[in-house]
Amino acid sequence: MIVDAQGRRFRNLRVSLTAACNYACGYCVPNGKRLIAAEDELTGDQMFRAVELLIAAAGVEKIRITGGEPLISPKFDTFLTGVMGLALNDVSLTTNGQFLEAKADVIVASGIRRINVSLDTLNPLSFRHIARSGDLDTVLRGIEAVQAAGLRVKINMVPMRGENLDQLLPMLQFCLERDIELRYIELMNMGHLKHGAQYQQQFVGRDEILECIGQTYEFSRTHAAYDSTSVRYEIPGHGVFGIIANESEPFCSACTRLRLSSNGYLYGCLSSTHRHFIGDILDLPDHLALARLQGVLVNALADKQSLQFRGEVTVMKFIGG
């Protein structure tokens, strides 16, 4: 087992099935430039092989399937089915929900028990402005479909000044009424936001979010897993919400996440441009592949920040959120 001086190891793997996305959210990409699939993306078989090796080499226990937007990848159906057959403690999925209704049967049949849906507003006009694509009602129907099938749903919202700050409470009320855990995500200083004014203009921190909620609800901090990115709060008699406070309350010191990009690179930290190619390892016999992978993982773990996220020019959608 590879462990660093702070006791961190790679327990959670985020797998980006594709860099392509049908949305072009302003906090992810500049100028409405929609992301497309990389020319050298791994095949489904190669990606599954990479996951098997990372489980063996790093002791990965949990996998989250991400993108881009994973539901538009032709690899999605077979990859999800294959991963659900592995010896893992948890498999989850993050999606923008636009194709959730269409893929609901495949998702439910796979046996996966929980998904996260990225949704920043319940206002249809604001939705189109932020996502630069898509249809809000289609997303809401998809959420309803998987909930009706028994899946646990969380919704991720990025509050942004000048964009959707008026949605802090409506989104929370929507989620509380449906037994959905809403997670507010502080805007991350990444990609095109790193060197521009947009980040400072739009950033909304934990304290401001809590102040807004506190005008309507009483809440108290509650339990979260040791390596959780989310600070969780309970509203008695109503439910739970969380804040991923990467700036206000950094969680780097307990981070156990590793990211596999769709074109075969491992990223040990979102706050580092370092990446480690493993595509040339995947065709090797197990004993050679695992030996090579051990060295790569040591270097990837060393990329992690000790205390706090510093921001980076890397585009998050390329490496799995």
C-alpha atoms as a PDB file:
ATOM      1  CA  MET A   1       0.000   0.000   0.000  1.00  0.00           C
ATOM      2  CA  ILE A   2       1.383   3.416  -0.978  1.00  0.00           C
ATOM      3  CA  VAL A   3       0.976   5.960   1.827  1.00  0.00           C
ATOM      4  CA  ASP A   4       2.485   9.435   2.176  1.00  0.00           C
ATOM      5  CA  ALA A   5       3.838  11.218   5.259  1.00  0.00           C
ATOM      6  CA  GLN A   6       0.367  12.580   6.079  1.00  0.00           C
ATOM      7  CA  GLY A   7      -1.172   9.122   6.022  1.00  0.00           C
ATOM      8  CA  ARG A   8      -2.938   9.671   2.716  1.00  0.00           C
ATOM      9  CA  ARG A   9      -3.403   6.968   0.112  1.00  0.00           C
ATOM     10  CA  PHE A  10      -5.536   6.555  -2.972  1.00  0.00           C
ATOM     11  CA  ARG A  11      -8.888   5.092  -1.897  1.00  0.00           C
ATOM     12  CA  ASN A  12     -11.181   6.956  -4.297  1.00  0.00           C
ATOM     13  CA  LEU A  13     -10.797   6.843  -8.076  1.00  0.00           C
ATOM     14  CA  ARG A  14     -12.601   9.233 -10.394  1.00  0.00           C
ATOM     15  CA  VAL A  15     -12.761   7.913 -13.943  1.00  0.00           C
ATOM     16  CA  SER A  16     -13.412  10.365 -16.768  1.00  0.00           C
ATOM     17  CA  LEU A  17     -15.035   8.285 -19.509  1.00  0.00           C
ATOM     18  CA  THR A  18     -14.809  11.128 -21.983  1.00  0.00           C
ATOM     19  CA  ALA A  19     -13.716  14.755 -22.109  1.00  0.00           C
ATOM     20  CA  ALA A  20     -16.758  15.539 -24.258  1.00  0.00           C
ATOM     21  CA  CYS A  21     -19.701  17.381 -22.753  1.00  0.00           C
ATOM     22  CA  ASN A  22     -23.011  18.527 -24.193  1.00  0.00           C
ATOM     23  CA  TYR A  23     -22.924  21.589 -21.898  1.00  0.00           C
ATOM     24  CA  ALA A  24     -20.534  24.538 -21.917  1.00  0.00           C
ATOM     25  CA  CYS A  25     -20.920  25.939 -18.400  1.00  0.00           C
ATOM     26  CA  GLY A  26     -19.108  29.222 -17.903  1.00  0.00           C
ATOM     27  CA  TYR A  27     -17.250  28.064 -14.782  1.00  0.00           C
ATOM     28  CA  CYS A  28     -15.852  25.110 -16.702  1.00  0.00           C
ATOM     29  CA  VAL A  29     -15.016  26.387 -20.175  1.00  0.00           C
ATOM     30  CA  PRO A  30     -14.555  29.886 -21.667  1.00  0.00           C
ATOM     31  CA  ASN A  31     -16.622  31.512 -24.398  1.00  0.00           C
ATOM     32  CA  GLY A  32     -19.182  28.734 -24.689  1.00  0.00           C
ATOM     33  CA  LYS A  33     -16.600  26.374 -26.157  1.00  0.00           C
ATOM     34  CA  ARG A  34     -18.117  22.920 -25.848  1.00  0.00           C
ATOM     35  CA  LEU A  35     -15.651  20.164 -24.979  1.00  0.00           C
ATOM     36  CA  ILE A  36     -15.171  17.308 -27.414  1.00  0.00           C
ATOM     37  CA  ALA A  37     -13.739  13.834 -27.036  1.00  0.00           C
ATOM     38  CA  ALA A  38      -9.970  13.546 -27.161  1.00  0.00           C
ATOM     39  CA  GLU A  39      -8.617  11.863 -30.296  1.00  0.00           C
ATOM     40  CA  ASP A  40      -6.571   9.449 -28.187  1.00  0.00           C
ATOM     41  CA  GLU A  41      -9.187   8.414 -25.637  1.00  0.00           C
ATOM     42  CA  LEU A  42      -8.805   4.969 -24.142  1.00  0.00           C
ATOM     43  CA  THR A  43     -11.152   2.272 -25.356  1.00  0.00           C
ATOM     44  CA  GLY A  44     -13.659   0.851 -22.918  1.00  0.00           C
ATOM     45  CA  ASP A  45     -11.544  -2.283 -22.506  1.00  0.00           C
ATOM     46  CA  GLN A  46      -8.409  -0.245 -21.832  1.00  0.00           C
ATOM     47  CA  MET A  47     -10.195   1.884 -19.256  1.00  0.00           C
ATOM     48  CA  PHE A  48     -11.564  -1.179 -17.502  1.00  0.00           C
ATOM     49  CA  ARG A  49      -8.082  -2.710 -17.483  1.00  0.00           C
ATOM     50  CA  ALA A  50      -6.725   0.502 -15.936  1.00  0.00           C
ATOM     51  CA  VAL A  51      -9.340   0.345 -13.189  1.00  0.00           C
ATOM     52  CA  GLU A  52      -8.506  -3.282 -12.399  1.00  0.00           C
ATOM     53  CA  LEU A  53      -4.800  -2.464 -12.153  1.00  0.00           C
ATOM     54  CA  LEU A  54      -5.416   0.566  -9.943  1.00  0.00           C
ATOM     55  CA  ILE A  55      -7.529  -1.490  -7.573  1.00  0.00           C
ATOM     56  CA  ALA A  56      -4.705  -4.007  -7.292  1.00  0.00           C
ATOM     57  CA  ALA A  57      -1.837  -1.498  -7.095  1.00  0.00           C
ATOM     58  CA  ALA A  58      -3.332   1.298  -5.008  1.00  0.00           C
ATOM     59  CA  GLY A  59      -6.049  -0.415  -3.020  1.00  0.00           C
ATOM     60  CA  VAL A  60      -8.803   1.676  -4.612  1.00  0.00           C
ATOM     61  CA  GLU A  61     -12.088   1.031  -2.818  1.00  0.00           C
ATOM     62  CA  LYS A  62     -14.494   3.489  -4.426  1.00  0.00           C
ATOM     63  CA  ILE A  63     -15.038   4.611  -8.006  1.00  0.00           C
ATOM     64  CA  ARG A  64     -16.947   7.578  -9.350  1.00  0.00           C
ATOM     65  CA  ILE A  65     -17.725   7.610 -13.071  1.00  0.00           C
ATOM     66  CA  THR A  66     -17.479  11.128 -14.487  1.00  0.00           C
ATOM     67  CA  GLY A  67     -16.712  13.049 -17.666  1.00  0.00           C
ATOM     68  CA  GLY A  68     -17.045  15.506 -19.379  1.00  0.00           C
ATOM     69  CA  GLU A  69     -20.499  14.039 -19.439  1.00  0.00           C
ATOM     70  CA  PRO A  70     -20.277  10.247 -19.030  1.00  0.00           C
ATOM     71  CA  LEU A  71     -23.746   9.448 -20.367  1.00  0.00           C
ATOM     72  CA  ILE A  72     -22.809  10.614 -23.871  1.00  0.00           C
ATOM     73  CA  SER A  73     -19.869   8.225 -24.068  1.00  0.00           C
ATOM     74  CA  PRO A  74     -20.454   5.055 -26.145  1.00  0.00           C
ATOM     75  CA  LYS A  75     -18.377   3.279 -23.476  1.00  0.00           C
ATOM     76  CA  PHE A  76     -20.830   4.071 -20.694  1.00  0.00           C
ATOM     77  CA  ASP A  77     -23.175   1.067 -20.714  1.00  0.00           C
ATOM     78  CA  THR A  78     -20.567  -1.697 -20.799  1.00  0.00           C
ATOM     79  CA  PHE A  79     -18.120   0.147 -18.541  1.00  0.00           C
ATOM     80  CA  LEU A  80     -20.745   0.687 -15.844  1.00  0.00           C
ATOM     81  CA  THR A  81     -21.815  -2.953 -16.007  1.00  0.00           C
ATOM     82  CA  GLY A  82     -18.211  -4.130 -15.792  1.00  0.00           C
ATOM     83  CA  VAL A  83     -17.250  -1.880 -12.896  1.00  0.00           C
ATOM     84  CA  MET A  84     -20.317  -2.988 -10.936  1.00  0.00           C
ATOM     85  CA  GLY A  85     -18.901  -6.512 -11.061  1.00  0.00           C
ATOM     86  CA  LEU A  86     -15.623  -5.546  -9.359  1.00  0.00           C
ATOM     87  CA  ALA A  87     -14.832  -5.922  -5.677  1.00  0.00           C
ATOM     88  CA  LEU A  88     -15.474  -2.339  -4.630  1.00  0.00           C
ATOM     89  CA  ASN A  89     -17.107  -0.747  -1.609  1.00  0.00           C
ATOM     90  CA  ASP A  90     -18.913   1.844  -3.666  1.00  0.00           C
ATOM     91  CA  VAL A  91     -19.576   2.879  -7.266  1.00  0.00           C
ATOM     92  CA  SER A  92     -21.223   6.208  -8.037  1.00  0.00           C
ATOM     93  CA  LEU A  93     -21.908   8.407 -11.030  1.00  0.00           C
ATOM     94  CA  THR A  94     -21.808  12.154 -11.680  1.00  0.00           C
ATOM     95  CA  THR A  95     -23.884  13.498 -14.572  1.00  0.00           C
ATOM     96  CA  ASN A  96     -25.475  16.730 -15.712  1.00  0.00           C
ATOM     97  CA  GLY A  97     -28.699  14.741 -16.001  1.00  0.00           C
ATOM     98  CA  GLN A  98     -29.638  15.714 -19.543  1.00  0.00           C
ATOM     99  CA  PHE A  99     -29.670  12.077 -20.676  1.00  0.00           C
ATOM    100  CA  LEU A 100     -30.542  10.578 -17.320  1.00  0.00           C
ATOM    101  CA  GLU A 101     -34.115   9.740 -18.259  1.00  0.00           C
ATOM    102  CA  ALA A 102     -32.985   8.033 -21.474  1.00  0.00           C
ATOM    103  CA  LYS A 103     -30.325   6.021 -19.637  1.00  0.00           C
ATOM    104  CA  ALA A 104     -32.370   5.288 -16.516  1.00  0.00           C
ATOM    105  CA  ASP A 105     -33.034   1.637 -17.422  1.00  0.00           C
ATOM    106  CA  VAL A 106     -29.321   0.906 -17.961  1.00  0.00           C
ATOM    107  CA  ILE A 107     -28.340   2.693 -14.768  1.00  0.00           C
ATOM    108  CA  VAL A 108     -30.956   0.977 -12.629  1.00  0.00           C
ATOM    109  CA  ALA A 109     -30.236  -2.467 -14.142  1.00  0.00           C
ATOM    110  CA  SER A 110     -26.528  -2.113 -13.330  1.00  0.00           C
ATOM    111  CA  GLY A 111     -27.239  -2.164  -9.605  1.00  0.00           C
ATOM    112  CA  ILE A 112     -25.628   1.204  -8.887  1.00  0.00           C
ATOM    113  CA  ARG A 113     -27.212   2.762  -5.815  1.00  0.00           C
ATOM    114  CA  ARG A 114     -26.372   6.448  -5.951  1.00  0.00           C
ATOM    115  CA  ILE A 115     -25.727   9.258  -8.402  1.00  0.00           C
ATOM    116  CA  ASN A 116     -24.848  12.945  -8.289  1.00  0.00           C
ATOM    117  CA  VAL A 117     -26.526  15.388 -10.641  1.00  0.00           C
ATOM    118  CA  SER A 118     -24.948  18.758 -11.410  1.00  0.00           C
ATOM    119  CA  LEU A 119     -27.725  21.361 -11.398  1.00  0.00           C
ATOM    120  CA  ASP A 120     -27.163  25.060 -10.696  1.00  0.00           C
ATOM    121  CA  THR A 121     -30.669  26.519 -10.898  1.00  0.00           C
ATOM    122  CA  LEU A 122     -34.379  25.765 -11.131  1.00  0.00           C
ATOM    123  CA  ASN A 123     -34.979  28.774 -13.359  1.00  0.00           C
ATOM    124  CA  PRO A 124     -35.269  27.578 -17.000  1.00  0.00           C
ATOM    125  CA  LEU A 125     -33.812  30.783 -18.457  1.00  0.00           C
ATOM    126  CA  SER A 126     -30.933  30.848 -16.004  1.00  0.00           C
ATOM    127  CA  PHE A 127     -30.379  27.153 -16.682  1.00  0.00           C
ATOM    128  CA  ARG A 128     -29.871  27.778 -20.391  1.00  0.00           C
ATOM    129  CA  HIS A 129     -27.638  30.757 -19.678  1.00  0.00           C
ATOM    130  CA  ILE A 130     -25.342  28.842 -17.325  1.00  0.00           C
ATOM    131  CA  ALA A 131     -25.214  25.523 -19.196  1.00  0.00           C
ATOM    132  CA  ARG A 132     -25.424  27.126 -22.660  1.00  0.00           C
ATOM    133  CA  SER A 133     -27.432  24.084 -23.682  1.00  0.00           C
ATOM    134  CA  GLY A 134     -29.940  21.555 -22.450  1.00  0.00           C
ATOM    135  CA  ASP A 135     -33.447  21.582 -21.034  1.00  0.00           C
ATOM    136  CA  LEU A 136     -34.280  21.871 -17.332  1.00  0.00           C
ATOM    137  CA  ASP A 137     -37.489  19.817 -17.465  1.00  0.00           C
ATOM    138  CA  THR A 138     -35.615  16.899 -19.047  1.00  0.00           C
ATOM    139  CA  VAL A 139     -33.102  16.916 -16.192  1.00  0.00           C
ATOM    140  CA  LEU A 140     -35.865  17.031 -13.564  1.00  0.00           C
ATOM    141  CA  ARG A 141     -37.665  14.101 -15.196  1.00  0.00           C
ATOM    142  CA  GLY A 142     -34.427  12.125 -15.147  1.00  0.00           C
ATOM    143  CA  ILE A 143     -33.950  12.782 -11.439  1.00  0.00           C
ATOM    144  CA  GLU A 144     -37.533  11.714 -10.771  1.00  0.00           C
ATOM    145  CA  ALA A 145     -37.074   8.521 -12.801  1.00  0.00           C
ATOM    146  CA  VAL A 146     -34.006   7.273 -10.940  1.00  0.00           C
ATOM    147  CA  GLN A 147     -35.434   8.265  -7.561  1.00  0.00           C
ATOM    148  CA  ALA A 148     -38.588   6.308  -8.335  1.00  0.00           C
ATOM    149  CA  ALA A 149     -36.358   3.290  -9.026  1.00  0.00           C
ATOM    150  CA  GLY A 150     -34.829   3.579  -5.555  1.00  0.00           C
ATOM    151  CA  LEU A 151     -31.517   5.320  -6.289  1.00  0.00           C
ATOM    152  CA  ARG A 152     -30.152   7.879  -3.850  1.00  0.00           C
ATOM    153  CA  VAL A 153     -29.592  11.236  -5.496  1.00  0.00           C
ATOM    154  CA  LYS A 154     -27.395  14.169  -4.538  1.00  0.00           C
ATOM    155  CA  ILE A 155     -27.457  17.454  -6.414  1.00  0.00           C
ATOM    156  CA  ASN A 156     -24.346  19.587  -6.872  1.00  0.00           C
ATOM    157  CA  MET A 157     -24.828  23.346  -7.220  1.00  0.00           C
ATOM    158  CA  VAL A 158     -22.114  25.949  -7.855  1.00  0.00           C
ATOM    159  CA  PRO A 159     -23.347  29.282  -6.422  1.00  0.00           C
ATOM    160  CA  MET A 160     -22.106  32.243  -8.461  1.00  0.00           C
ATOM    161  CA  ARG A 161     -22.603  35.907  -7.825  1.00  0.00           C
ATOM    162  CA  GLY A 162     -24.484  37.505 -10.688  1.00  0.00           C
ATOM    163  CA  GLU A 163     -25.687  34.120 -11.971  1.00  0.00           C
ATOM    164  CA  ASN A 164     -27.720  32.045  -9.516  1.00  0.00           C
ATOM    165  CA  LEU A 165     -27.336  33.458  -6.008  1.00  0.00           C
ATOM    166  CA  ASP A 166     -31.118  33.856  -5.833  1.00  0.00           C
ATOM    167  CA  GLN A 167     -31.391  30.061  -6.156  1.00  0.00           C
ATOM    168  CA  LEU A 168     -29.645  29.149  -2.877  1.00  0.00           C
ATOM    169  CA  LEU A 169     -32.902  28.656  -0.974  1.00  0.00           C
ATOM    170  CA  PRO A 170     -35.165  27.445  -3.820  1.00  0.00           C
ATOM    171  CA  MET A 171     -32.655  24.710  -4.643  1.00  0.00           C
ATOM    172  CA  LEU A 172     -32.414  23.702  -0.985  1.00  0.00           C
ATOM    173  CA  GLN A 173     -36.193  23.610  -0.567  1.00  0.00           C
ATOM    174  CA  PHE A 174     -36.557  21.563  -3.757  1.00  0.00           C
ATOM    175  CA  CYS A 175     -34.054  19.018  -2.461  1.00  0.00           C
ATOM    176  CA  LEU A 176     -35.386  18.834   1.094  1.00  0.00           C
ATOM    177  CA  GLU A 177     -38.876  18.119  -0.220  1.00  0.00           C
ATOM    178  CA  ARG A 178     -37.537  15.171  -2.240  1.00  0.00           C
ATOM    179  CA  ASP A 179     -35.070  13.682   0.245  1.00  0.00           C
ATOM    180  CA  ILE A 180     -32.144  14.787  -1.907  1.00  0.00           C
ATOM    181  CA  GLU A 181     -28.920  16.023  -0.353  1.00  0.00           C
ATOM    182  CA  LEU A 182     -27.938  19.330  -1.931  1.00  0.00           C
ATOM    183  CA  ARG A 183     -24.229  20.120  -2.003  1.00  0.00           C
ATOM    184  CA  TYR A 184     -23.136  23.669  -2.639  1.00  0.00           C
ATOM    185  CA  ILE A 185     -19.706  23.713  -4.291  1.00  0.00           C
ATOM    186  CA  GLU A 186     -17.527  26.765  -3.919  1.00  0.00           C
ATOM    187  CA  LEU A 187     -16.339  27.992  -7.310  1.00  0.00           C
ATOM    188  CA  MET A 188     -12.904  26.517  -7.970  1.00  0.00           C
ATOM    189  CA  ASN A 189      -9.981  28.613  -9.163  1.00  0.00           C
ATOM    190  CA  MET A 190      -9.190  26.397 -12.141  1.00  0.00           C
ATOM    191  CA  GLY A 191      -8.829  26.461 -15.899  1.00  0.00           C
ATOM    192  CA  HIS A 192      -9.672  29.784 -17.552  1.00  0.00           C
ATOM    193  CA  LEU A 193     -10.744  31.218 -14.169  1.00  0.00           C
ATOM    194  CA  LYS A 194      -7.208  30.976 -12.810  1.00  0.00           C
ATOM    195  CA  HIS A 195      -5.851  34.171 -14.357  1.00  0.00           C
ATOM    196  CA  GLY A 196      -8.994  36.235 -14.916  1.00  0.00           C
ATOM    197  CA  ALA A 197     -11.360  38.482 -12.973  1.00  0.00           C
ATOM    198  CA  GLN A 198     -14.358  36.146 -13.254  1.00  0.00           C
ATOM    199  CA  TYR A 199     -13.346  33.995 -10.301  1.00  0.00           C
ATOM    200  CA  GLN A 200     -13.128  36.885  -7.820  1.00  0.00           C
ATOM    201  CA  GLN A 201     -16.296  38.458  -9.176  1.00  0.00           C
ATOM    202  CA  GLN A 202     -18.403  35.307  -8.902  1.00  0.00           C
ATOM    203  CA  PHE A 203     -16.971  33.449  -5.888  1.00  0.00           C
ATOM    204  CA  VAL A 204     -19.429  32.787  -3.051  1.00  0.00           C
ATOM    205  CA  GLY A 205     -17.987  31.301   0.130  1.00  0.00           C
ATOM    206  CA  ARG A 206     -19.313  28.986   2.810  1.00  0.00           C
ATOM    207  CA  ASP A 207     -20.126  31.708   5.350  1.00  0.00           C
ATOM    208  CA  GLU A 208     -22.284  33.632   2.896  1.00  0.00           C
ATOM    209  CA  ILE A 209     -24.144  30.455   1.935  1.00  0.00           C
ATOM    210  CA  LEU A 210     -24.778  29.568   5.584  1.00  0.00           C
ATOM    211  CA  GLU A 211     -25.922  33.097   6.396  1.00  0.00           C
ATOM    212  CA  CYS A 212     -28.500  32.921   3.630  1.00  0.00           C
ATOM    213  CA  ILE A 213     -29.796  29.520   4.734  1.00  0.00           C
ATOM    214  CA  GLY A 214     -29.845  30.618   8.374  1.00  0.00           C
ATOM    215  CA  GLN A 215     -32.440  33.277   7.589  1.00  0.00           C
ATOM    216  CA  THR A 216     -34.940  30.489   6.909  1.00  0.00           C
ATOM    217  CA  TYR A 217     -33.703  27.334   8.642  1.00  0.00           C
ATOM    218  CA  GLU A 218     -31.963  26.376  11.852  1.00  0.00           C
ATOM    219  CA  PHE A 219     -29.163  23.903  11.224  1.00  0.00           C
ATOM    220  CA  SER A 220     -26.165  22.315  12.913  1.00  0.00           C
ATOM    221  CA  ARG A 221     -23.024  20.684  11.629  1.00  0.00           C
ATOM    222  CA  THR A 222     -23.256  16.916  11.445  1.00  0.00           C
ATOM    223  CA  HIS A 223     -21.099  13.892  10.662  1.00  0.00           C
ATOM    224  CA  ALA A 224     -19.086  13.527   7.464  1.00  0.00           C
ATOM    225  CA  ALA A 225     -16.635  10.797   6.518  1.00  0.00           C
ATOM    226  CA  TYR A 226     -12.956  11.425   7.301  1.00  0.00           C
ATOM    227  CA  ASP A 227     -11.981  11.992   3.683  1.00  0.00           C
ATOM    228  CA  SER A 228     -15.226  13.615   2.576  1.00  0.00           C
ATOM    229  CA  THR A 229     -14.946  16.805   0.557  1.00  0.00           C
ATOM    230  CA  SER A 230     -18.281  17.987   1.934  1.00  0.00           C
ATOM    231  CA  VAL A 231     -18.972  19.724   5.239  1.00  0.00           C
ATOM    232  CA  ARG A 232     -22.476  18.509   6.143  1.00  0.00           C
ATOM    233  CA  TYR A 233     -25.273  20.253   8.046  1.00  0.00           C
ATOM    234  CA  GLU A 234     -28.562  18.914   9.389  1.00  0.00           C
ATOM    235  CA  ILE A 235     -31.826  20.828   9.379  1.00  0.00           C
ATOM    236  CA  PRO A 236     -33.881  19.048  12.090  1.00  0.00           C
ATOM    237  CA  GLY A 237     -37.060  17.560  10.707  1.00  0.00           C
ATOM    238  CA  HIS A 238     -36.146  18.418   7.127  1.00  0.00           C
ATOM    239  CA  GLY A 239     -32.903  16.826   5.970  1.00  0.00           C
ATOM    240  CA  VAL A 240     -29.236  17.406   5.280  1.00  0.00           C
ATOM    241  CA  PHE A 241     -27.208  19.659   2.994  1.00  0.00           C
ATOM    242  CA  GLY A 242     -23.487  19.986   2.398  1.00  0.00           C
ATOM    243  CA  ILE A 243     -20.906  22.534   1.308  1.00  0.00           C
ATOM    244  CA  ILE A 244     -17.774  21.578  -0.579  1.00  0.00           C
ATOM    245  CA  ALA A 245     -15.749  24.464   0.798  1.00  0.00           C
ATOM    246  CA  ASN A 246     -12.478  24.021  -1.043  1.00  0.00           C
ATOM    247  CA  GLU A 247     -11.464  27.621  -0.265  1.00  0.00           C
ATOM    248  CA  SER A 248     -13.201  28.276   3.063  1.00  0.00           C
ATOM    249  CA  GLU A 249     -12.367  24.932   4.676  1.00  0.00           C
ATOM    250  CA  PRO A 250      -9.708  23.091   2.636  1.00  0.00           C
ATOM    251  CA  PHE A 251      -9.680  19.305   2.751  1.00  0.00           C
ATOM    252  CA  CYS A 252      -6.330  18.614   1.089  1.00  0.00           C
ATOM    253  CA  SER A 253      -4.794  17.063   4.201  1.00  0.00           C
ATOM    254  CA  ALA A 254      -7.318  14.199   4.097  1.00  0.00           C
ATOM    255  CA  CYS A 255      -7.682  13.818   0.324  1.00  0.00           C
ATOM    256  CA  THR A 256      -7.658  10.223  -0.953  1.00  0.00           C
ATOM    257  CA  ARG A 257      -8.660  10.965  -4.552  1.00  0.00           C
ATOM    258  CA  LEU A 258      -6.972   9.857  -7.749  1.00  0.00           C
ATOM    259  CA  ARG A 259      -8.208  10.812 -11.202  1.00  0.00           C
ATOM    260  CA  LEU A 260      -7.925   8.877 -14.461  1.00  0.00           C
ATOM    261  CA  SER A 261      -8.475  10.956 -17.582  1.00  0.00           C
ATOM    262  CA  SER A 262     -10.161   9.595 -20.674  1.00  0.00           C
ATOM    263  CA  ASN A 263      -6.835   9.604 -22.538  1.00  0.00           C
ATOM    264  CA  GLY A 264      -4.925   7.583 -19.963  1.00  0.00           C
ATOM    265  CA  TYR A 265      -3.331  10.068 -17.567  1.00  0.00           C
ATOM    266  CA  LEU A 266      -3.392   9.857 -13.783  1.00  0.00           C
ATOM    267  CA  TYR A 267      -3.752  13.058 -11.774  1.00  0.00           C
ATOM    268  CA  GLY A 268      -2.975  12.930  -8.073  1.00  0.00           C
ATOM    269  CA  CYS A 269      -4.142  16.471  -7.358  1.00  0.00           C
ATOM    270  CA  LEU A 270      -6.424  19.062  -8.943  1.00  0.00           C
ATOM    271  CA  SER A 271      -4.003  21.746  -7.794  1.00  0.00           C
ATOM    272  CA  SER A 272      -1.138  20.395  -9.875  1.00  0.00           C
ATOM    273  CA  THR A 273      -0.507  20.290 -13.611  1.00  0.00           C
ATOM    274  CA  HIS A 274       1.533  17.109 -13.164  1.00  0.00           C
ATOM    275  CA  ARG A 275       0.056  14.122 -14.929  1.00  0.00           C
ATOM    276  CA  HIS A 276       1.275  10.574 -15.395  1.00  0.00           C
ATOM    277  CA  PHE A 277       0.566   8.530 -18.514  1.00  0.00           C
ATOM    278  CA  ILE A 278      -0.369   4.882 -17.968  1.00  0.00           C
ATOM    279  CA  GLY A 279      -1.689   4.014 -21.426  1.00  0.00           C
ATOM    280  CA  ASP A 280       1.571   2.232 -22.261  1.00  0.00           C
ATOM    281  CA  ILE A 281       1.253   0.043 -19.169  1.00  0.00           C
ATOM    282  CA  LEU A 282      -2.135  -1.446 -19.928  1.00  0.00           C
ATOM    283  CA  ASP A 283      -0.990  -4.109 -22.424  1.00  0.00           C
ATOM    284  CA  LEU A 284       1.740  -5.468 -20.148  1.00  0.00           C
ATOM    285  CA  PRO A 285       1.348  -8.704 -18.166  1.00  0.00           C
ATOM    286  CA  ASP A 286       0.038  -8.135 -14.655  1.00  0.00           C
ATOM    287  CA  HIS A 287       3.374  -8.470 -12.846  1.00  0.00           C
ATOM    288  CA  LEU A 288       5.091  -5.951 -15.120  1.00  0.00           C
ATOM    289  CA  ALA A 289       2.132  -3.578 -15.223  1.00  0.00           C
ATOM    290  CA  LEU A 290       1.764  -3.525 -11.435  1.00  0.00           C
ATOM    291  CA  ALA A 291       5.484  -2.944 -10.907  1.00  0.00           C
ATOM    292  CA  ARG A 292       5.442   0.026 -13.296  1.00  0.00           C
ATOM    293  CA  LEU A 293       2.239   1.365 -11.806  1.00  0.00           C
ATOM    294  CA  GLN A 294       3.642   1.399  -8.278  1.00  0.00           C
ATOM    295  CA  GLY A 295       6.258   3.947  -9.308  1.00  0.00           C
ATOM    296  CA  VAL A 296       3.678   6.096 -11.104  1.00  0.00           C
ATOM    297  CA  LEU A 297       1.417   6.100  -8.048  1.00  0.00           C
ATOM    298  CA  VAL A 298       4.243   7.193  -5.762  1.00  0.00           C
ATOM    299  CA  ASN A 299       4.811  10.210  -7.999  1.00  0.00           C
ATOM    300  CA  ALA A 300       1.091  10.976  -8.276  1.00  0.00           C
ATOM    301  CA  LEU A 301       0.672  10.869  -4.491  1.00  0.00           C
ATOM    302  CA  ALA A 302       3.599  13.272  -4.112  1.00  0.00           C
ATOM    303  CA  ASP A 303       1.676  15.807  -6.244  1.00  0.00           C
ATOM    304  CA  LYS A 304      -0.913  16.356  -3.504  1.00  0.00           C
ATOM    305  CA  GLN A 305      -0.971  19.644  -1.629  1.00  0.00           C
ATOM    306  CA  SER A 306      -0.230  19.472   2.100  1.00  0.00           C
ATOM    307  CA  LEU A 307      -2.871  21.912   3.312  1.00  0.00           C
ATOM    308  CA  GLN A 308      -4.828  23.936   0.778  1.00  0.00           C
ATOM    309  CA  PHE A 309      -5.981  23.995  -2.827  1.00  0.00           C
ATOM    310  CA  ARG A 310      -4.000  26.616  -4.737  1.00  0.00           C
ATOM    311  CA  GLY A 311      -5.800  26.539  -8.057  1.00  0.00           C
ATOM    312  CA  GLU A 312      -4.435  25.501 -11.407  1.00  0.00           C
ATOM    313  CA  VAL A 313      -4.921  26.100 -15.126  1.00  0.00           C
ATOM    314  CA  THR A 314      -6.001  22.497 -15.705  1.00  0.00           C
ATOM    315  CA  VAL A 315      -9.575  22.237 -17.002  1.00  0.00           C
ATOM    316  CA  MET A 316     -11.486  20.075 -14.533  1.00  0.00           C
ATOM    317  CA  LYS A 317     -13.752  18.502 -17.128  1.00  0.00           C
ATOM    318  CA  PHE A 318     -10.740  16.841 -18.723  1.00  0.00           C
ATOM    319  CA  ILE A 319      -9.877  14.943 -15.543  1.00  0.00           C
ATOM    320  CA  GLY A 320     -13.133  13.870 -14.016  1.00  0.00           C
ATOM    321  CA  GLY A 321     -14.363  16.592 -11.700  1.00  0.00           C
END
